Amino acid sequence: QVQLVESGGGLVQAGGSLRLVCVVSGRSFSSYDFSWFRQAPGKEREFVASIIRSGSVKYYADSAKDRFIISSDNAKNTVYLQMKSLKPEDTAVYYCNAQSTLWGNYWGQGTQVTVSS
């Protein structure tokens, strides 16, 4: 089992940047693939970005390509989401996810990102 704690959200003006942080504790960090999802009010949770195979492969939603970068620091058991050129439509609660075919699927509590126009 793992525990995920997100931080780094906040209020930012359109065009600004934020870096989200997900600190992972518990079972071996390298056993999991990690993703960021987000959920805006009244909408379903949606995929943003993934980092898998200990960082060798990354995937992005179309909305995140060229603006967001997912990365990880295995020594710090931490996953990051660097976001730039933020838009009001990026406003959502952002969730960190850890997934392993052996050990299961886990979510953090989320961090709020609000982008003002």
PDB file of N, CA and C in Angstrom:
ATOM      1  N   GLN A   1       0.834  -1.186   0.000  1.00  0.00           N
ATOM      2  CA  GLN A   1       0.000   0.000   0.000  1.00  0.00           C
ATOM      3  C   GLN A   1       0.877   1.247   0.000  1.00  0.00           C
ATOM      4  N   VAL A   2       0.379   2.299  -0.661  1.00  0.00           N
ATOM      5  CA  VAL A   2       1.089   3.571  -0.678  1.00  0.00           C
ATOM      6  C   VAL A   2       0.150   4.692  -0.263  1.00  0.00           C
ATOM      7  N   GLN A   3       0.751   5.765   0.180  1.00  0.00           N
ATOM      8  CA  GLN A   3       0.011   6.985   0.495  1.00  0.00           C
ATOM      9  C   GLN A   3       0.551   8.100  -0.399  1.00  0.00           C
ATOM     10  N   LEU A   4      -0.346   8.889  -0.932  1.00  0.00           N
ATOM     11  CA  LEU A   4       0.004   9.966  -1.848  1.00  0.00           C
ATOM     12  C   LEU A   4      -0.472  11.283  -1.254  1.00  0.00           C
ATOM     13  N   VAL A   5       0.420  12.257  -1.193  1.00  0.00           N
ATOM     14  CA  VAL A   5       0.059  13.569  -0.667  1.00  0.00           C
ATOM     15  C   VAL A   5       0.451  14.626  -1.693  1.00  0.00           C
ATOM     16  N   GLU A   6      -0.560  15.311  -2.229  1.00  0.00           N
ATOM     17  CA  GLU A   6      -0.317  16.346  -3.227  1.00  0.00           C
ATOM     18  C   GLU A   6      -0.194  17.718  -2.557  1.00  0.00           C
ATOM     19  N   SER A   7       0.541  18.586  -3.210  1.00  0.00           N
ATOM     20  CA  SER A   7       0.657  19.975  -2.794  1.00  0.00           C
ATOM     21  C   SER A   7       1.055  20.802  -4.008  1.00  0.00           C
ATOM     22  N   GLY A   8       1.070  22.112  -3.816  1.00  0.00           N
ATOM     23  CA  GLY A   8       1.536  22.988  -4.886  1.00  0.00           C
ATOM     24  C   GLY A   8       0.443  23.710  -5.640  1.00  0.00           C
ATOM     25  N   GLY A   9      -0.810  23.355  -5.362  1.00  0.00           N
ATOM     26  CA  GLY A   9      -1.893  24.056  -6.024  1.00  0.00           C
ATOM     27  C   GLY A   9      -2.042  25.469  -5.481  1.00  0.00           C
ATOM     28  N   GLY A  10      -2.917  26.220  -6.124  1.00  0.00           N
ATOM     29  CA  GLY A  10      -3.149  27.588  -5.671  1.00  0.00           C
ATOM     30  C   GLY A  10      -3.876  28.393  -6.711  1.00  0.00           C
ATOM     31  N   LEU A  11      -3.895  29.696  -6.479  1.00  0.00           N
ATOM     32  CA  LEU A  11      -4.542  30.633  -7.388  1.00  0.00           C
ATOM     33  C   LEU A  11      -3.469  31.310  -8.234  1.00  0.00           C
ATOM     34  N   VAL A  12      -3.670  31.296  -9.542  1.00  0.00           N
ATOM     35  CA  VAL A  12      -2.692  31.887 -10.448  1.00  0.00           C
ATOM     36  C   VAL A  12      -3.439  32.565 -11.595  1.00  0.00           C
ATOM     37  N   GLN A  13      -2.840  33.602 -12.133  1.00  0.00           N
ATOM     38  CA  GLN A  13      -3.456  34.268 -13.280  1.00  0.00           C
ATOM     39  C   GLN A  13      -3.204  33.477 -14.556  1.00  0.00           C
ATOM     40  N   ALA A  14      -4.076  33.661 -15.512  1.00  0.00           N
ATOM     41  CA  ALA A  14      -3.896  33.017 -16.810  1.00  0.00           C
ATOM     42  C   ALA A  14      -2.520  33.364 -17.378  1.00  0.00           C
ATOM     43  N   GLY A  15      -1.873  32.358 -17.925  1.00  0.00           N
ATOM     44  CA  GLY A  15      -0.515  32.531 -18.430  1.00  0.00           C
ATOM     45  C   GLY A  15       0.554  32.198 -17.421  1.00  0.00           C
ATOM     46  N   GLY A  16       0.168  32.010 -16.177  1.00  0.00           N
ATOM     47  CA  GLY A  16       1.118  31.716 -15.120  1.00  0.00           C
ATOM     48  C   GLY A  16       1.506  30.250 -15.064  1.00  0.00           C
ATOM     49  N   SER A  17       2.306  29.933 -14.059  1.00  0.00           N
ATOM     50  CA  SER A  17       2.831  28.576 -13.902  1.00  0.00           C
ATOM     51  C   SER A  17       2.638  28.092 -12.471  1.00  0.00           C
ATOM     52  N   LEU A  18       2.544  26.779 -12.343  1.00  0.00           N
ATOM     53  CA  LEU A  18       2.519  26.119 -11.039  1.00  0.00           C
ATOM     54  C   LEU A  18       3.254  24.791 -11.159  1.00  0.00           C
ATOM     55  N   ARG A  19       3.799  24.328 -10.050  1.00  0.00           N
ATOM     56  CA  ARG A  19       4.370  22.995 -10.006  1.00  0.00           C
ATOM     57  C   ARG A  19       3.678  22.207  -8.909  1.00  0.00           C
ATOM     58  N   LEU A  20       3.007  21.153  -9.317  1.00  0.00           N
ATOM     59  CA  LEU A  20       2.351  20.267  -8.367  1.00  0.00           C
ATOM     60  C   LEU A  20       3.334  19.192  -7.922  1.00  0.00           C
ATOM     61  N   VAL A  21       3.211  18.820  -6.658  1.00  0.00           N
ATOM     62  CA  VAL A  21       4.111  17.839  -6.074  1.00  0.00           C
ATOM     63  C   VAL A  21       3.284  16.723  -5.454  1.00  0.00           C
ATOM     64  N   CYS A  22       3.693  15.492  -5.670  1.00  0.00           N
ATOM     65  CA  CYS A  22       3.044  14.325  -5.079  1.00  0.00           C
ATOM     66  C   CYS A  22       4.120  13.509  -4.358  1.00  0.00           C
ATOM     67  N   VAL A  23       4.053  13.517  -3.042  1.00  0.00           N
ATOM     68  CA  VAL A  23       4.995  12.756  -2.245  1.00  0.00           C
ATOM     69  C   VAL A  23       4.405  11.385  -1.957  1.00  0.00           C
ATOM     70  N   VAL A  24       5.165  10.363  -2.245  1.00  0.00           N
ATOM     71  CA  VAL A  24       4.696   8.985  -2.148  1.00  0.00           C
ATOM     72  C   VAL A  24       5.385   8.290  -0.984  1.00  0.00           C
ATOM     73  N   SER A  25       4.626   7.638  -0.140  1.00  0.00           N
ATOM     74  CA  SER A  25       5.198   6.866   0.964  1.00  0.00           C
ATOM     75  C   SER A  25       4.568   5.487   0.980  1.00  0.00           C
ATOM     76  N   GLY A  26       5.279   4.542   1.544  1.00  0.00           N
ATOM     77  CA  GLY A  26       4.776   3.188   1.623  1.00  0.00           C
ATOM     78  C   GLY A  26       5.615   2.244   0.789  1.00  0.00           C
ATOM     79  N   ARG A  27       4.954   1.383   0.056  1.00  0.00           N
ATOM     80  CA  ARG A  27       5.626   0.357  -0.743  1.00  0.00           C
ATOM     81  C   ARG A  27       6.531   0.981  -1.799  1.00  0.00           C
ATOM     82  N   SER A  28       7.469   0.203  -2.278  1.00  0.00           N
ATOM     83  CA  SER A  28       8.512   0.645  -3.198  1.00  0.00           C
ATOM     84  C   SER A  28       7.990   1.552  -4.306  1.00  0.00           C
ATOM     85  N   PHE A  29       8.593   2.728  -4.382  1.00  0.00           N
ATOM     86  CA  PHE A  29       8.203   3.735  -5.371  1.00  0.00           C
ATOM     87  C   PHE A  29       8.280   3.178  -6.779  1.00  0.00           C
ATOM     88  N   SER A  30       9.308   2.412  -7.073  1.00  0.00           N
ATOM     89  CA  SER A  30       9.523   1.922  -8.432  1.00  0.00           C
ATOM     90  C   SER A  30       8.534   0.838  -8.838  1.00  0.00           C
ATOM     91  N   SER A  31       7.713   0.376  -7.900  1.00  0.00           N
ATOM     92  CA  SER A  31       6.717  -0.641  -8.228  1.00  0.00           C
ATOM     93  C   SER A  31       5.494  -0.072  -8.919  1.00  0.00           C
ATOM     94  N   TYR A  32       5.394   1.249  -8.967  1.00  0.00           N
ATOM     95  CA  TYR A  32       4.174   1.903  -9.442  1.00  0.00           C
ATOM     96  C   TYR A  32       4.424   2.762 -10.673  1.00  0.00           C
ATOM     97  N   ASP A  33       3.384   2.881 -11.454  1.00  0.00           N
ATOM     98  CA  ASP A  33       3.300   3.911 -12.476  1.00  0.00           C
ATOM     99  C   ASP A  33       2.462   5.050 -11.884  1.00  0.00           C
ATOM    100  N   PHE A  34       2.783   6.268 -12.268  1.00  0.00           N
ATOM    101  CA  PHE A  34       2.123   7.427 -11.675  1.00  0.00           C
ATOM    102  C   PHE A  34       1.454   8.292 -12.735  1.00  0.00           C
ATOM    103  N   SER A  35       0.338   8.864 -12.327  1.00  0.00           N
ATOM    104  CA  SER A  35      -0.410   9.747 -13.226  1.00  0.00           C
ATOM    105  C   SER A  35      -0.949  10.934 -12.448  1.00  0.00           C
ATOM    106  N   TRP A  36      -1.265  11.967 -13.197  1.00  0.00           N
ATOM    107  CA  TRP A  36      -2.041  13.091 -12.684  1.00  0.00           C
ATOM    108  C   TRP A  36      -3.371  13.098 -13.412  1.00  0.00           C
ATOM    109  N   PHE A  37      -4.421  13.283 -12.645  1.00  0.00           N
ATOM    110  CA  PHE A  37      -5.764  13.472 -13.167  1.00  0.00           C
ATOM    111  C   PHE A  37      -6.295  14.794 -12.614  1.00  0.00           C
ATOM    112  N   ARG A  38      -7.371  15.270 -13.199  1.00  0.00           N
ATOM    113  CA  ARG A  38      -8.003  16.469 -12.664  1.00  0.00           C
ATOM    114  C   ARG A  38      -9.513  16.360 -12.791  1.00  0.00           C
ATOM    115  N   GLN A  39     -10.196  17.095 -11.919  1.00  0.00           N
ATOM    116  CA  GLN A  39     -11.651  17.107 -11.956  1.00  0.00           C
ATOM    117  C   GLN A  39     -12.140  18.518 -11.708  1.00  0.00           C
ATOM    118  N   ALA A  40     -12.806  19.053 -12.712  1.00  0.00           N
ATOM    119  CA  ALA A  40     -13.401  20.379 -12.609  1.00  0.00           C
ATOM    120  C   ALA A  40     -14.822  20.249 -12.063  1.00  0.00           C
ATOM    121  N   PRO A  41     -15.356  21.308 -11.480  1.00  0.00           N
ATOM    122  CA  PRO A  41     -16.717  21.242 -10.927  1.00  0.00           C
ATOM    123  C   PRO A  41     -17.732  20.811 -11.973  1.00  0.00           C
ATOM    124  N   GLY A  42     -18.531  19.824 -11.628  1.00  0.00           N
ATOM    125  CA  GLY A  42     -19.575  19.353 -12.516  1.00  0.00           C
ATOM    126  C   GLY A  42     -19.104  18.481 -13.654  1.00  0.00           C
ATOM    127  N   LYS A  43     -17.808  18.148 -13.653  1.00  0.00           N
ATOM    128  CA  LYS A  43     -17.270  17.321 -14.732  1.00  0.00           C
ATOM    129  C   LYS A  43     -16.656  16.047 -14.163  1.00  0.00           C
ATOM    130  N   GLU A  44     -16.449  15.070 -15.058  1.00  0.00           N
ATOM    131  CA  GLU A  44     -15.822  13.836 -14.641  1.00  0.00           C
ATOM    132  C   GLU A  44     -14.307  14.031 -14.487  1.00  0.00           C
ATOM    133  N   ARG A  45     -13.726  13.170 -13.689  1.00  0.00           N
ATOM    134  CA  ARG A  45     -12.276  13.191 -13.541  1.00  0.00           C
ATOM    135  C   ARG A  45     -11.648  12.806 -14.878  1.00  0.00           C
ATOM    136  N   GLU A  46     -10.596  13.540 -15.275  1.00  0.00           N
ATOM    137  CA  GLU A  46      -9.978  13.273 -16.555  1.00  0.00           C
ATOM    138  C   GLU A  46      -8.466  13.126 -16.418  1.00  0.00           C
ATOM    139  N   PHE A  47      -7.913  12.351 -17.325  1.00  0.00           N
ATOM    140  CA  PHE A  47      -6.485  12.091 -17.363  1.00  0.00           C
ATOM    141  C   PHE A  47      -5.727  13.336 -17.809  1.00  0.00           C
ATOM    142  N   VAL A  48      -4.569  13.576 -17.179  1.00  0.00           N
ATOM    143  CA  VAL A  48      -3.718  14.700 -17.565  1.00  0.00           C
ATOM    144  C   VAL A  48      -2.379  14.200 -18.102  1.00  0.00           C
ATOM    145  N   ALA A  49      -1.694  13.364 -17.312  1.00  0.00           N
ATOM    146  CA  ALA A  49      -0.363  12.900 -17.719  1.00  0.00           C
ATOM    147  C   ALA A  49       0.017  11.663 -16.923  1.00  0.00           C
ATOM    148  N   SER A  50       0.865  10.831 -17.516  1.00  0.00           N
ATOM    149  CA  SER A  50       1.380   9.636 -16.857  1.00  0.00           C
ATOM    150  C   SER A  50       2.869   9.524 -17.038  1.00  0.00           C
ATOM    151  N   ILE A  51       3.513   8.905 -16.056  1.00  0.00           N
ATOM    152  CA  ILE A  51       4.926   8.563 -16.160  1.00  0.00           C
ATOM    153  C   ILE A  51       5.048   7.116 -15.725  1.00  0.00           C
ATOM    154  N   ILE A  52       5.572   6.288 -16.620  1.00  0.00           N
ATOM    155  CA  ILE A  52       5.584   4.860 -16.347  1.00  0.00           C
ATOM    156  C   ILE A  52       6.971   4.279 -16.589  1.00  0.00           C
ATOM    157  N   ARG A  53       7.108   3.034 -16.167  1.00  0.00           N
ATOM    158  CA  ARG A  53       8.378   2.313 -16.326  1.00  0.00           C
ATOM    159  C   ARG A  53       9.522   3.132 -15.750  1.00  0.00           C
ATOM    160  N   SER A  54       9.310   3.598 -14.527  1.00  0.00           N
ATOM    161  CA  SER A  54      10.319   4.366 -13.787  1.00  0.00           C
ATOM    162  C   SER A  54      10.785   5.605 -14.537  1.00  0.00           C
ATOM    163  N   GLY A  55       9.883   6.190 -15.285  1.00  0.00           N
ATOM    164  CA  GLY A  55      10.178   7.459 -15.932  1.00  0.00           C
ATOM    165  C   GLY A  55      10.608   7.385 -17.373  1.00  0.00           C
ATOM    166  N   SER A  56      10.691   6.202 -17.937  1.00  0.00           N
ATOM    167  CA  SER A  56      11.184   6.092 -19.301  1.00  0.00           C
ATOM    168  C   SER A  56      10.116   6.405 -20.343  1.00  0.00           C
ATOM    169  N   VAL A  57       8.856   6.361 -19.948  1.00  0.00           N
ATOM    170  CA  VAL A  57       7.760   6.630 -20.874  1.00  0.00           C
ATOM    171  C   VAL A  57       6.804   7.633 -20.226  1.00  0.00           C
ATOM    172  N   LYS A  58       6.370   8.596 -21.022  1.00  0.00           N
ATOM    173  CA  LYS A  58       5.422   9.602 -20.541  1.00  0.00           C
ATOM    174  C   LYS A  58       4.291   9.760 -21.544  1.00  0.00           C
ATOM    175  N   TYR A  59       3.099   9.978 -21.017  1.00  0.00           N
ATOM    176  CA  TYR A  59       1.934  10.228 -21.844  1.00  0.00           C
ATOM    177  C   TYR A  59       1.261  11.507 -21.363  1.00  0.00           C
ATOM    178  N   TYR A  60       0.650  12.203 -22.313  1.00  0.00           N
ATOM    179  CA  TYR A  60      -0.055  13.442 -21.985  1.00  0.00           C
ATOM    180  C   TYR A  60      -1.398  13.488 -22.682  1.00  0.00           C
ATOM    181  N   ALA A  61      -2.368  14.072 -21.992  1.00  0.00           N
ATOM    182  CA  ALA A  61      -3.616  14.410 -22.658  1.00  0.00           C
ATOM    183  C   ALA A  61      -3.345  15.531 -23.655  1.00  0.00           C
ATOM    184  N   ASP A  62      -4.168  15.618 -24.669  1.00  0.00           N
ATOM    185  CA  ASP A  62      -3.979  16.671 -25.680  1.00  0.00           C
ATOM    186  C   ASP A  62      -3.976  18.052 -25.029  1.00  0.00           C
ATOM    187  N   SER A  63      -4.790  18.226 -24.003  1.00  0.00           N
ATOM    188  CA  SER A  63      -4.892  19.524 -23.342  1.00  0.00           C
ATOM    189  C   SER A  63      -3.627  19.899 -22.582  1.00  0.00           C
ATOM    190  N   ALA A  64      -2.795  18.896 -22.299  1.00  0.00           N
ATOM    191  CA  ALA A  64      -1.583  19.126 -21.502  1.00  0.00           C
ATOM    192  C   ALA A  64      -0.309  19.173 -22.348  1.00  0.00           C
ATOM    193  N   LYS A  65      -0.383  18.656 -23.541  1.00  0.00           N
ATOM    194  CA  LYS A  65       0.817  18.618 -24.391  1.00  0.00           C
ATOM    195  C   LYS A  65       1.358  20.015 -24.622  1.00  0.00           C
ATOM    196  N   ASP A  66       2.663  20.128 -24.571  1.00  0.00           N
ATOM    197  CA  ASP A  66       3.399  21.374 -24.829  1.00  0.00           C
ATOM    198  C   ASP A  66       3.263  22.400 -23.714  1.00  0.00           C
ATOM    199  N   ARG A  67       2.453  22.112 -22.681  1.00  0.00           N
ATOM    200  CA  ARG A  67       2.324  23.047 -21.570  1.00  0.00           C
ATOM    201  C   ARG A  67       2.692  22.429 -20.232  1.00  0.00           C
ATOM    202  N   PHE A  68       2.447  21.132 -20.087  1.00  0.00           N
ATOM    203  CA  PHE A  68       2.694  20.447 -18.816  1.00  0.00           C
ATOM    204  C   PHE A  68       3.826  19.438 -18.996  1.00  0.00           C
ATOM    205  N   ILE A  69       4.587  19.234 -17.936  1.00  0.00           N
ATOM    206  CA  ILE A  69       5.628  18.214 -17.943  1.00  0.00           C
ATOM    207  C   ILE A  69       5.523  17.392 -16.663  1.00  0.00           C
ATOM    208  N   ILE A  70       5.420  16.078 -16.831  1.00  0.00           N
ATOM    209  CA  ILE A  70       5.411  15.176 -15.689  1.00  0.00           C
ATOM    210  C   ILE A  70       6.815  14.628 -15.504  1.00  0.00           C
ATOM    211  N   SER A  71       7.233  14.518 -14.249  1.00  0.00           N
ATOM    212  CA  SER A  71       8.558  13.993 -13.949  1.00  0.00           C
ATOM    213  C   SER A  71       8.525  13.324 -12.584  1.00  0.00           C
ATOM    214  N   SER A  72       9.587  12.610 -12.289  1.00  0.00           N
ATOM    215  CA  SER A  72       9.671  11.952 -10.994  1.00  0.00           C
ATOM    216  C   SER A  72      11.102  11.980 -10.490  1.00  0.00           C
ATOM    217  N   ASP A  73      11.227  11.921  -9.186  1.00  0.00           N
ATOM    218  CA  ASP A  73      12.526  11.847  -8.537  1.00  0.00           C
ATOM    219  C   ASP A  73      12.491  10.617  -7.637  1.00  0.00           C
ATOM    220  N   ASN A  74      13.078   9.530  -8.127  1.00  0.00           N
ATOM    221  CA  ASN A  74      13.008   8.278  -7.384  1.00  0.00           C
ATOM    222  C   ASN A  74      13.691   8.379  -6.024  1.00  0.00           C
ATOM    223  N   ALA A  75      14.725   9.180  -5.934  1.00  0.00           N
ATOM    224  CA  ALA A  75      15.437   9.324  -4.662  1.00  0.00           C
ATOM    225  C   ALA A  75      14.575  10.023  -3.610  1.00  0.00           C
ATOM    226  N   LYS A  76      13.651  10.859  -4.068  1.00  0.00           N
ATOM    227  CA  LYS A  76      12.784  11.593  -3.147  1.00  0.00           C
ATOM    228  C   LYS A  76      11.375  11.015  -3.091  1.00  0.00           C
ATOM    229  N   ASN A  77      11.123   9.934  -3.842  1.00  0.00           N
ATOM    230  CA  ASN A  77       9.791   9.327  -3.886  1.00  0.00           C
ATOM    231  C   ASN A  77       8.725  10.380  -4.197  1.00  0.00           C
ATOM    232  N   THR A  78       8.993  11.158  -5.206  1.00  0.00           N
ATOM    233  CA  THR A  78       8.135  12.301  -5.520  1.00  0.00           C
ATOM    234  C   THR A  78       7.853  12.370  -7.011  1.00  0.00           C
ATOM    235  N   VAL A  79       6.637  12.729  -7.323  1.00  0.00           N
ATOM    236  CA  VAL A  79       6.203  12.939  -8.703  1.00  0.00           C
ATOM    237  C   VAL A  79       5.800  14.404  -8.840  1.00  0.00           C
ATOM    238  N   TYR A  80       6.145  14.996  -9.968  1.00  0.00           N
ATOM    239  CA  TYR A  80       5.866  16.407 -10.206  1.00  0.00           C
ATOM    240  C   TYR A  80       5.006  16.592 -11.438  1.00  0.00           C
ATOM    241  N   LEU A  81       4.278  17.693 -11.442  1.00  0.00           N
ATOM    242  CA  LEU A  81       3.605  18.140 -12.660  1.00  0.00           C
ATOM    243  C   LEU A  81       3.898  19.628 -12.798  1.00  0.00           C
ATOM    244  N   GLN A  82       4.783  19.954 -13.710  1.00  0.00           N
ATOM    245  CA  GLN A  82       5.097  21.351 -13.998  1.00  0.00           C
ATOM    246  C   GLN A  82       4.114  21.859 -15.032  1.00  0.00           C
ATOM    247  N   MET A  83       3.401  22.903 -14.684  1.00  0.00           N
ATOM    248  CA  MET A  83       2.374  23.449 -15.567  1.00  0.00           C
ATOM    249  C   MET A  83       2.720  24.894 -15.918  1.00  0.00           C
ATOM    250  N   LYS A  84       2.655  25.225 -17.178  1.00  0.00           N
ATOM    251  CA  LYS A  84       2.906  26.591 -17.631  1.00  0.00           C
ATOM    252  C   LYS A  84       1.797  27.019 -18.577  1.00  0.00           C
ATOM    253  N   SER A  85       1.783  28.305 -18.884  1.00  0.00           N
ATOM    254  CA  SER A  85       0.762  28.853 -19.790  1.00  0.00           C
ATOM    255  C   SER A  85      -0.633  28.415 -19.356  1.00  0.00           C
ATOM    256  N   LEU A  86      -0.895  28.530 -18.078  1.00  0.00           N
ATOM    257  CA  LEU A  86      -2.162  28.047 -17.536  1.00  0.00           C
ATOM    258  C   LEU A  86      -3.336  28.859 -18.070  1.00  0.00           C
ATOM    259  N   LYS A  87      -4.443  28.160 -18.245  1.00  0.00           N
ATOM    260  CA  LYS A  87      -5.669  28.747 -18.770  1.00  0.00           C
ATOM    261  C   LYS A  87      -6.791  28.584 -17.746  1.00  0.00           C
ATOM    262  N   PRO A  88      -7.802  29.433 -17.811  1.00  0.00           N
ATOM    263  CA  PRO A  88      -8.928  29.255 -16.873  1.00  0.00           C
ATOM    264  C   PRO A  88      -9.538  27.853 -16.939  1.00  0.00           C
ATOM    265  N   GLU A  89      -9.509  27.231 -18.103  1.00  0.00           N
ATOM    266  CA  GLU A  89     -10.084  25.888 -18.224  1.00  0.00           C
ATOM    267  C   GLU A  89      -9.225  24.817 -17.559  1.00  0.00           C
ATOM    268  N   ASP A  90      -8.041  25.180 -17.083  1.00  0.00           N
ATOM    269  CA  ASP A  90      -7.229  24.254 -16.300  1.00  0.00           C
ATOM    270  C   ASP A  90      -7.665  24.211 -14.842  1.00  0.00           C
ATOM    271  N   THR A  91      -8.582  25.077 -14.463  1.00  0.00           N
ATOM    272  CA  THR A  91      -9.069  25.105 -13.086  1.00  0.00           C
ATOM    273  C   THR A  91      -9.725  23.778 -12.730  1.00  0.00           C
ATOM    274  N   ALA A  92      -9.248  23.160 -11.669  1.00  0.00           N
ATOM    275  CA  ALA A  92      -9.741  21.840 -11.254  1.00  0.00           C
ATOM    276  C   ALA A  92      -9.012  21.422  -9.981  1.00  0.00           C
ATOM    277  N   VAL A  93      -9.505  20.354  -9.393  1.00  0.00           N
ATOM    278  CA  VAL A  93      -8.744  19.661  -8.359  1.00  0.00           C
ATOM    279  C   VAL A  93      -7.875  18.628  -9.074  1.00  0.00           C
ATOM    280  N   TYR A  94      -6.585  18.672  -8.784  1.00  0.00           N
ATOM    281  CA  TYR A  94      -5.637  17.766  -9.413  1.00  0.00           C
ATOM    282  C   TYR A  94      -5.279  16.644  -8.444  1.00  0.00           C
ATOM    283  N   TYR A  95      -5.352  15.427  -8.964  1.00  0.00           N
ATOM    284  CA  TYR A  95      -5.126  14.242  -8.155  1.00  0.00           C
ATOM    285  C   TYR A  95      -3.930  13.460  -8.668  1.00  0.00           C
ATOM    286  N   CYS A  96      -3.144  12.973  -7.731  1.00  0.00           N
ATOM    287  CA  CYS A  96      -2.042  12.066  -8.040  1.00  0.00           C
ATOM    288  C   CYS A  96      -2.561  10.636  -7.920  1.00  0.00           C
ATOM    289  N   ASN A  97      -2.133   9.793  -8.846  1.00  0.00           N
ATOM    290  CA  ASN A  97      -2.564   8.397  -8.867  1.00  0.00           C
ATOM    291  C   ASN A  97      -1.357   7.477  -8.985  1.00  0.00           C
ATOM    292  N   ALA A  98      -1.380   6.408  -8.216  1.00  0.00           N
ATOM    293  CA  ALA A  98      -0.353   5.371  -8.308  1.00  0.00           C
ATOM    294  C   ALA A  98      -1.027   4.059  -8.674  1.00  0.00           C
ATOM    295  N   GLN A  99      -0.465   3.385  -9.663  1.00  0.00           N
ATOM    296  CA  GLN A  99      -1.081   2.152 -10.123  1.00  0.00           C
ATOM    297  C   GLN A  99      -0.038   1.062 -10.312  1.00  0.00           C
ATOM    298  N   SER A 100      -0.389  -0.133  -9.803  1.00  0.00           N
ATOM    299  CA  SER A 100       0.449  -1.306  -9.985  1.00  0.00           C
ATOM    300  C   SER A 100      -0.454  -2.497 -10.229  1.00  0.00           C
ATOM    301  N   THR A 101      -0.102  -3.330 -11.215  1.00  0.00           N
ATOM    302  CA  THR A 101      -0.914  -4.511 -11.490  1.00  0.00           C
ATOM    303  C   THR A 101      -0.853  -5.483 -10.314  1.00  0.00           C
ATOM    304  N   LEU A 102       0.220  -5.402  -9.538  1.00  0.00           N
ATOM    305  CA  LEU A 102       0.359  -6.299  -8.396  1.00  0.00           C
ATOM    306  C   LEU A 102      -0.231  -5.708  -7.121  1.00  0.00           C
ATOM    307  N   TRP A 103      -0.029  -4.404  -6.915  1.00  0.00           N
ATOM    308  CA  TRP A 103      -0.320  -3.808  -5.616  1.00  0.00           C
ATOM    309  C   TRP A 103      -1.536  -2.907  -5.586  1.00  0.00           C
ATOM    310  N   GLY A 104      -2.154  -2.666  -6.740  1.00  0.00           N
ATOM    311  CA  GLY A 104      -3.399  -1.933  -6.708  1.00  0.00           C
ATOM    312  C   GLY A 104      -3.299  -0.503  -7.180  1.00  0.00           C
ATOM    313  N   ASN A 105      -4.390   0.234  -6.966  1.00  0.00           N
ATOM    314  CA  ASN A 105      -4.567   1.589  -7.481  1.00  0.00           C
ATOM    315  C   ASN A 105      -4.865   2.531  -6.316  1.00  0.00           C
ATOM    316  N   TYR A 106      -4.146   3.641  -6.242  1.00  0.00           N
ATOM    317  CA  TYR A 106      -4.277   4.552  -5.105  1.00  0.00           C
ATOM    318  C   TYR A 106      -4.370   5.993  -5.573  1.00  0.00           C
ATOM    319  N   TRP A 107      -5.086   6.796  -4.771  1.00  0.00           N
ATOM    320  CA  TRP A 107      -5.284   8.205  -5.077  1.00  0.00           C
ATOM    321  C   TRP A 107      -4.873   9.067  -3.900  1.00  0.00           C
ATOM    322  N   GLY A 108      -4.400  10.259  -4.203  1.00  0.00           N
ATOM    323  CA  GLY A 108      -4.192  11.258  -3.182  1.00  0.00           C
ATOM    324  C   GLY A 108      -5.475  12.021  -2.926  1.00  0.00           C
ATOM    325  N   GLN A 109      -5.396  13.000  -2.029  1.00  0.00           N
ATOM    326  CA  GLN A 109      -6.586  13.750  -1.629  1.00  0.00           C
ATOM    327  C   GLN A 109      -6.874  14.917  -2.571  1.00  0.00           C
ATOM    328  N   GLY A 110      -5.935  15.260  -3.415  1.00  0.00           N
ATOM    329  CA  GLY A 110      -6.128  16.311  -4.398  1.00  0.00           C
ATOM    330  C   GLY A 110      -5.607  17.662  -3.940  1.00  0.00           C
ATOM    331  N   THR A 111      -5.292  18.498  -4.915  1.00  0.00           N
ATOM    332  CA  THR A 111      -4.871  19.874  -4.642  1.00  0.00           C
ATOM    333  C   THR A 111      -5.577  20.785  -5.646  1.00  0.00           C
ATOM    334  N   GLN A 112      -6.121  21.882  -5.149  1.00  0.00           N
ATOM    335  CA  GLN A 112      -6.915  22.780  -5.972  1.00  0.00           C
ATOM    336  C   GLN A 112      -6.026  23.717  -6.782  1.00  0.00           C
ATOM    337  N   VAL A 113      -6.302  23.775  -8.064  1.00  0.00           N
ATOM    338  CA  VAL A 113      -5.678  24.749  -8.962  1.00  0.00           C
ATOM    339  C   VAL A 113      -6.765  25.654  -9.513  1.00  0.00           C
ATOM    340  N   THR A 114      -6.602  26.946  -9.307  1.00  0.00           N
ATOM    341  CA  THR A 114      -7.561  27.920  -9.820  1.00  0.00           C
ATOM    342  C   THR A 114      -6.821  28.930 -10.683  1.00  0.00           C
ATOM    343  N   VAL A 115      -7.261  29.060 -11.928  1.00  0.00           N
ATOM    344  CA  VAL A 115      -6.631  29.978 -12.871  1.00  0.00           C
ATOM    345  C   VAL A 115      -7.636  31.092 -13.186  1.00  0.00           C
ATOM    346  N   SER A 116      -7.257  32.302 -12.837  1.00  0.00           N
ATOM    347  CA  SER A 116      -8.149  33.440 -13.072  1.00  0.00           C
ATOM    348  C   SER A 116      -7.850  34.062 -14.434  1.00  0.00           C
ATOM    349  N   SER A 117      -8.899  34.594 -15.027  1.00  0.00           N
ATOM    350  CA  SER A 117      -8.743  35.210 -16.365  1.00  0.00           C
ATOM    351  C   SER A 117      -8.393  36.678 -16.260  1.00  0.00           C
TER     352      SER A 117
END
